[in-house]
C-alpha atoms as a PDB file:
ATOM      1  CA  MET A   1       6.843  77.843 -68.690  1.00  0.00           C
ATOM      2  CA  SER A   2       6.073  76.077 -71.940  1.00  0.00           C
ATOM      3  CA  GLU A   3       3.360  73.457 -72.096  1.00  0.00           C
ATOM      4  CA  PHE A   4       3.644  69.941 -73.435  1.00  0.00           C
ATOM      5  CA  ARG A   5       0.851  68.329 -75.431  1.00  0.00           C
ATOM      6  CA  ILE A   6      -0.180  64.825 -74.369  1.00  0.00           C
ATOM      7  CA  SER A   7      -2.708  62.280 -75.527  1.00  0.00           C
ATOM      8  CA  THR A   8      -3.713  59.526 -73.156  1.00  0.00           C
ATOM      9  CA  ARG A   9      -6.577  57.268 -72.216  1.00  0.00           C
ATOM     10  CA  ILE A  10      -7.952  57.657 -68.683  1.00  0.00           C
ATOM     11  CA  ASN A  11     -10.529  55.153 -67.463  1.00  0.00           C
ATOM     12  CA  GLY A  12     -11.331  54.292 -71.046  1.00  0.00           C
ATOM     13  CA  THR A  13     -11.800  57.884 -72.202  1.00  0.00           C
ATOM     14  CA  GLU A  14      -9.407  59.698 -74.516  1.00  0.00           C
ATOM     15  CA  TRP A  15      -7.808  62.828 -73.049  1.00  0.00           C
ATOM     16  CA  THR A  16      -5.739  65.256 -75.095  1.00  0.00           C
ATOM     17  CA  GLY A  17      -4.433  68.587 -73.947  1.00  0.00           C
ATOM     18  CA  ALA A  18      -1.500  70.764 -73.034  1.00  0.00           C
ATOM     19  CA  ILE A  19       0.035  70.592 -69.570  1.00  0.00           C
ATOM     20  CA  GLU A  20       3.082  71.949 -67.810  1.00  0.00           C
ATOM     21  CA  PRO A  21       5.988  69.479 -67.865  1.00  0.00           C
ATOM     22  CA  ARG A  22       6.459  69.758 -64.084  1.00  0.00           C
ATOM     23  CA  LEU A  23       2.836  68.809 -63.238  1.00  0.00           C
ATOM     24  CA  LEU A  24       2.671  65.622 -61.165  1.00  0.00           C
ATOM     25  CA  LEU A  25       0.358  62.860 -62.317  1.00  0.00           C
ATOM     26  CA  SER A  26      -1.530  62.982 -59.013  1.00  0.00           C
ATOM     27  CA  ASP A  27      -2.161  66.721 -59.384  1.00  0.00           C
ATOM     28  CA  PHE A  28      -3.083  66.306 -63.053  1.00  0.00           C
ATOM     29  CA  LEU A  29      -5.679  63.625 -62.270  1.00  0.00           C
ATOM     30  CA  ARG A  30      -7.213  65.629 -59.439  1.00  0.00           C
ATOM     31  CA  SER A  31      -7.034  69.186 -60.824  1.00  0.00           C
ATOM     32  CA  GLU A  32      -7.068  68.883 -64.601  1.00  0.00           C
ATOM     33  CA  VAL A  33      -9.207  65.762 -65.058  1.00  0.00           C
ATOM     34  CA  GLY A  34     -11.370  66.048 -61.927  1.00  0.00           C
ATOM     35  CA  LEU A  35     -10.709  62.509 -60.668  1.00  0.00           C
ATOM     36  CA  THR A  36     -10.358  63.170 -56.962  1.00  0.00           C
ATOM     37  CA  GLY A  37     -10.327  59.500 -55.936  1.00  0.00           C
ATOM     38  CA  THR A  38      -6.555  59.515 -56.353  1.00  0.00           C
ATOM     39  CA  HIS A  39      -5.465  60.758 -52.946  1.00  0.00           C
ATOM     40  CA  VAL A  40      -2.225  62.528 -52.135  1.00  0.00           C
ATOM     41  CA  GLY A  41      -0.808  61.509 -48.780  1.00  0.00           C
ATOM     42  CA  CYS A  42       2.923  61.654 -48.220  1.00  0.00           C
ATOM     43  CA  GLU A  43       4.014  63.007 -51.631  1.00  0.00           C
ATOM     44  CA  HIS A  44       7.089  60.760 -51.399  1.00  0.00           C
ATOM     45  CA  GLY A  45       5.665  57.490 -52.747  1.00  0.00           C
ATOM     46  CA  VAL A  46       5.715  55.838 -49.327  1.00  0.00           C
ATOM     47  CA  CYS A  47       2.038  55.701 -48.309  1.00  0.00           C
ATOM     48  CA  GLY A  48       0.503  54.351 -51.537  1.00  0.00           C
ATOM     49  CA  ALA A  49      -2.639  56.508 -51.369  1.00  0.00           C
ATOM     50  CA  CYS A  50      -1.983  57.871 -54.880  1.00  0.00           C
ATOM     51  CA  THR A  51      -1.598  54.476 -56.572  1.00  0.00           C
ATOM     52  CA  VAL A  52      -3.151  54.217 -60.046  1.00  0.00           C
ATOM     53  CA  LEU A  53      -2.675  51.717 -62.850  1.00  0.00           C
ATOM     54  CA  LEU A  54      -0.480  52.698 -65.779  1.00  0.00           C
ATOM     55  CA  ASP A  55      -0.965  50.222 -68.614  1.00  0.00           C
ATOM     56  CA  GLY A  56      -2.347  47.855 -65.971  1.00  0.00           C
ATOM     57  CA  GLU A  57       0.570  48.138 -63.540  1.00  0.00           C
ATOM     58  CA  PRO A  58       0.415  49.984 -60.199  1.00  0.00           C
ATOM     59  CA  VAL A  59       2.403  53.223 -60.015  1.00  0.00           C
ATOM     60  CA  ARG A  60       2.632  56.019 -57.475  1.00  0.00           C
ATOM     61  CA  ALA A  61       1.048  59.061 -59.132  1.00  0.00           C
ATOM     62  CA  CYS A  62       2.882  61.446 -56.796  1.00  0.00           C
ATOM     63  CA  LEU A  63       6.226  60.242 -58.186  1.00  0.00           C
ATOM     64  CA  MET A  64       5.392  60.628 -61.872  1.00  0.00           C
ATOM     65  CA  PHE A  65       5.050  63.624 -64.105  1.00  0.00           C
ATOM     66  CA  ALA A  66       1.812  63.768 -66.054  1.00  0.00           C
ATOM     67  CA  VAL A  67       3.742  64.067 -69.326  1.00  0.00           C
ATOM     68  CA  GLN A  68       4.961  60.493 -68.739  1.00  0.00           C
ATOM     69  CA  ILE A  69       1.481  59.121 -69.454  1.00  0.00           C
ATOM     70  CA  ASP A  70       1.516  60.384 -73.035  1.00  0.00           C
ATOM     71  CA  GLY A  71       0.440  57.465 -75.225  1.00  0.00           C
ATOM     72  CA  HIS A  72      -0.442  55.284 -72.230  1.00  0.00           C
ATOM     73  CA  GLU A  73      -3.578  54.061 -70.452  1.00  0.00           C
ATOM     74  CA  VAL A  74      -4.331  55.175 -66.877  1.00  0.00           C
ATOM     75  CA  THR A  75      -6.941  53.593 -64.639  1.00  0.00           C
ATOM     76  CA  THR A  76      -7.961  55.318 -61.428  1.00  0.00           C
ATOM     77  CA  VAL A  77     -10.292  54.094 -58.708  1.00  0.00           C
ATOM     78  CA  GLU A  78     -13.146  55.784 -60.575  1.00  0.00           C
ATOM     79  CA  GLY A  79     -12.429  53.426 -63.459  1.00  0.00           C
ATOM     80  CA  LEU A  80     -13.004  50.250 -61.446  1.00  0.00           C
ATOM     81  CA  ALA A  81     -16.783  50.626 -61.553  1.00  0.00           C
ATOM     82  CA  ALA A  82     -18.233  52.020 -64.756  1.00  0.00           C
ATOM     83  CA  ALA A  83     -19.906  54.974 -63.080  1.00  0.00           C
ATOM     84  CA  GLY A  84     -18.023  57.999 -64.316  1.00  0.00           C
ATOM     85  CA  THR A  85     -16.710  61.013 -62.471  1.00  0.00           C
ATOM     86  CA  GLY A  86     -18.781  62.095 -59.510  1.00  0.00           C
ATOM     87  CA  ALA A  87     -21.461  59.487 -60.075  1.00  0.00           C
ATOM     88  CA  VAL A  88     -23.115  57.851 -57.101  1.00  0.00           C
ATOM     89  CA  ILE A  89     -23.861  54.203 -57.754  1.00  0.00           C
ATOM     90  CA  PRO A  90     -25.422  51.481 -55.652  1.00  0.00           C
ATOM     91  CA  VAL A  91     -23.110  49.021 -53.892  1.00  0.00           C
ATOM     92  CA  GLU A  92     -24.377  46.226 -56.143  1.00  0.00           C
ATOM     93  CA  GLU A  93     -22.912  48.007 -59.177  1.00  0.00           C
ATOM     94  CA  LEU A  94     -19.427  48.445 -57.721  1.00  0.00           C
ATOM     95  CA  HIS A  95     -16.508  46.404 -58.980  1.00  0.00           C
ATOM     96  CA  PRO A  96     -16.248  43.060 -57.112  1.00  0.00           C
ATOM     97  CA  ILE A  97     -13.124  44.284 -55.306  1.00  0.00           C
ATOM     98  CA  GLN A  98     -14.938  47.391 -54.091  1.00  0.00           C
ATOM     99  CA  ARG A  99     -17.948  45.318 -52.985  1.00  0.00           C
ATOM    100  CA  ALA A 100     -15.695  42.887 -51.111  1.00  0.00           C
ATOM    101  CA  PHE A 101     -14.008  45.765 -49.277  1.00  0.00           C
ATOM    102  CA  HIS A 102     -17.417  47.194 -48.400  1.00  0.00           C
ATOM    103  CA  GLU A 103     -18.719  43.863 -47.102  1.00  0.00           C
ATOM    104  CA  THR A 104     -15.631  43.016 -45.020  1.00  0.00           C
ATOM    105  CA  HIS A 105     -15.330  46.531 -43.564  1.00  0.00           C
ATOM    106  CA  ALA A 106     -11.875  46.807 -45.127  1.00  0.00           C
ATOM    107  CA  LEU A 107     -11.975  50.572 -44.917  1.00  0.00           C
ATOM    108  CA  GLN A 108     -12.579  53.098 -42.230  1.00  0.00           C
ATOM    109  CA  CYS A 109     -11.660  56.659 -43.076  1.00  0.00           C
ATOM    110  CA  GLY A 110     -11.137  55.593 -46.702  1.00  0.00           C
ATOM    111  CA  PHE A 111      -8.138  57.793 -47.426  1.00  0.00           C
ATOM    112  CA  CYS A 112      -5.811  54.904 -48.290  1.00  0.00           C
ATOM    113  CA  THR A 113      -8.526  52.774 -49.894  1.00  0.00           C
ATOM    114  CA  PRO A 114      -8.296  53.947 -53.535  1.00  0.00           C
ATOM    115  CA  GLY A 115      -4.604  53.106 -53.717  1.00  0.00           C
ATOM    116  CA  ILE A 116      -5.114  49.723 -52.070  1.00  0.00           C
ATOM    117  CA  LEU A 117      -7.981  48.937 -54.460  1.00  0.00           C
ATOM    118  CA  MET A 118      -5.800  49.714 -57.478  1.00  0.00           C
ATOM    119  CA  THR A 119      -2.925  47.584 -56.186  1.00  0.00           C
ATOM    120  CA  THR A 120      -5.407  44.802 -55.439  1.00  0.00           C
ATOM    121  CA  ALA A 121      -6.818  44.906 -58.983  1.00  0.00           C
ATOM    122  CA  ALA A 122      -3.360  44.402 -60.494  1.00  0.00           C
ATOM    123  CA  PHE A 123      -2.357  41.851 -57.859  1.00  0.00           C
ATOM    124  CA  LEU A 124      -5.425  39.656 -58.366  1.00  0.00           C
ATOM    125  CA  ARG A 125      -4.990  39.783 -62.136  1.00  0.00           C
ATOM    126  CA  GLU A 126      -1.497  38.303 -61.661  1.00  0.00           C
ATOM    127  CA  ASN A 127      -2.352  36.040 -58.715  1.00  0.00           C
ATOM    128  CA  PRO A 128      -6.058  35.095 -58.806  1.00  0.00           C
ATOM    129  CA  ALA A 129      -5.859  32.637 -55.889  1.00  0.00           C
ATOM    130  CA  PRO A 130      -3.483  34.200 -53.344  1.00  0.00           C
ATOM    131  CA  SER A 131      -2.720  32.972 -49.856  1.00  0.00           C
ATOM    132  CA  ARG A 132      -3.268  35.311 -46.909  1.00  0.00           C
ATOM    133  CA  GLU A 133       0.516  35.761 -46.696  1.00  0.00           C
ATOM    134  CA  GLU A 134       0.707  36.757 -50.379  1.00  0.00           C
ATOM    135  CA  ILE A 135      -2.110  39.241 -49.823  1.00  0.00           C
ATOM    136  CA  ARG A 136      -0.286  40.757 -46.841  1.00  0.00           C
ATOM    137  CA  GLU A 137       2.835  41.120 -48.984  1.00  0.00           C
ATOM    138  CA  ALA A 138       0.855  42.704 -51.834  1.00  0.00           C
ATOM    139  CA  VAL A 139      -0.652  45.411 -49.610  1.00  0.00           C
ATOM    140  CA  SER A 140       2.488  45.932 -47.532  1.00  0.00           C
ATOM    141  CA  GLY A 141       3.395  48.997 -49.589  1.00  0.00           C
ATOM    142  CA  HIS A 142       0.320  50.852 -48.347  1.00  0.00           C
ATOM    143  CA  LEU A 143      -0.008  52.696 -45.080  1.00  0.00           C
ATOM    144  CA  CYS A 144      -3.354  52.529 -43.322  1.00  0.00           C
ATOM    145  CA  ARG A 145      -3.690  54.161 -39.936  1.00  0.00           C
ATOM    146  CA  CYS A 146      -7.235  53.000 -39.244  1.00  0.00           C
ATOM    147  CA  THR A 147      -7.851  49.336 -39.999  1.00  0.00           C
ATOM    148  CA  GLY A 148      -4.991  47.237 -38.688  1.00  0.00           C
ATOM    149  CA  TYR A 149      -5.006  45.523 -42.136  1.00  0.00           C
ATOM    150  CA  HIS A 150      -6.889  42.393 -41.024  1.00  0.00           C
ATOM    151  CA  ASN A 151     -10.103  43.367 -42.812  1.00  0.00           C
ATOM    152  CA  ILE A 152      -8.142  44.575 -45.845  1.00  0.00           C
ATOM    153  CA  VAL A 153      -6.632  41.089 -46.158  1.00  0.00           C
ATOM    154  CA  GLU A 154     -10.109  39.593 -45.761  1.00  0.00           C
ATOM    155  CA  GLY A 155     -11.480  41.960 -48.406  1.00  0.00           C
ATOM    156  CA  VAL A 156      -8.787  40.991 -50.913  1.00  0.00           C
ATOM    157  CA  ALA A 157      -9.390  37.291 -50.189  1.00  0.00           C
ATOM    158  CA  LEU A 158     -13.142  37.667 -50.685  1.00  0.00           C
ATOM    159  CA  ALA A 159     -12.582  39.621 -53.904  1.00  0.00           C
ATOM    160  CA  ALA A 160     -10.267  36.869 -55.179  1.00  0.00           C
ATOM    161  CA  GLU A 161     -12.904  34.216 -54.479  1.00  0.00           C
ATOM    162  CA  ARG A 162     -15.639  36.193 -56.215  1.00  0.00           C
ATOM    163  CA  LEU A 163     -13.540  37.155 -59.217  1.00  0.00           C
ATOM    164  CA  ALA A 164     -12.527  33.528 -59.688  1.00  0.00           C
ATOM    165  CA  ALA A 165     -16.153  32.413 -59.437  1.00  0.00           C
ATOM    166  CA  ASP A 166     -17.332  35.116 -61.858  1.00  0.00           C
ATOM    167  CA  GLY A 167     -14.435  34.722 -64.279  1.00  0.00           C
ATOM    168  CA  GLU A 168     -13.670  38.442 -63.872  1.00  0.00           C
ATOM    169  CA  GLY A 169     -10.499  40.127 -62.830  1.00  0.00           C
ATOM    170  CA  GLU A 170      -9.731  43.066 -65.083  1.00  0.00           C
ATOM    171  CA  PRO A 171     -10.498  46.512 -63.740  1.00  0.00           C
END
């Protein structure tokens, strides 16, 4: 199969290379780029575990071909905190959304968490002072089998408060 050359920006870093046209974005991020925070759950776009930001908007990486990101910017969960691939950083240095999830126990097994964090980053950029009902609606496209969602809603609410107080918001 012939390869297709792409040039993209992933978490602020330029990436250029040749890939197979049939390679899914989720597989590209995990296998070719080494960003394993993008999880693959259902492979049908239903669970939301593979959600990343494409030009700032949430997309399901399991439903996109990697060639579709040519000329675009991708942000993965690794791009929320400026740590880099595989880096271990203290909680205090995490993005405010990540810290809020940590403090409200908004994760258990953590499998769905990266996708929810990415959706939350885009959601809070568009709606910096959401109601609990708006938060529930925003995360309704994600399946979590562990938490019951209550603490996820609390984590998003806490993140919104802190981002508003800090004047932050962009991942």
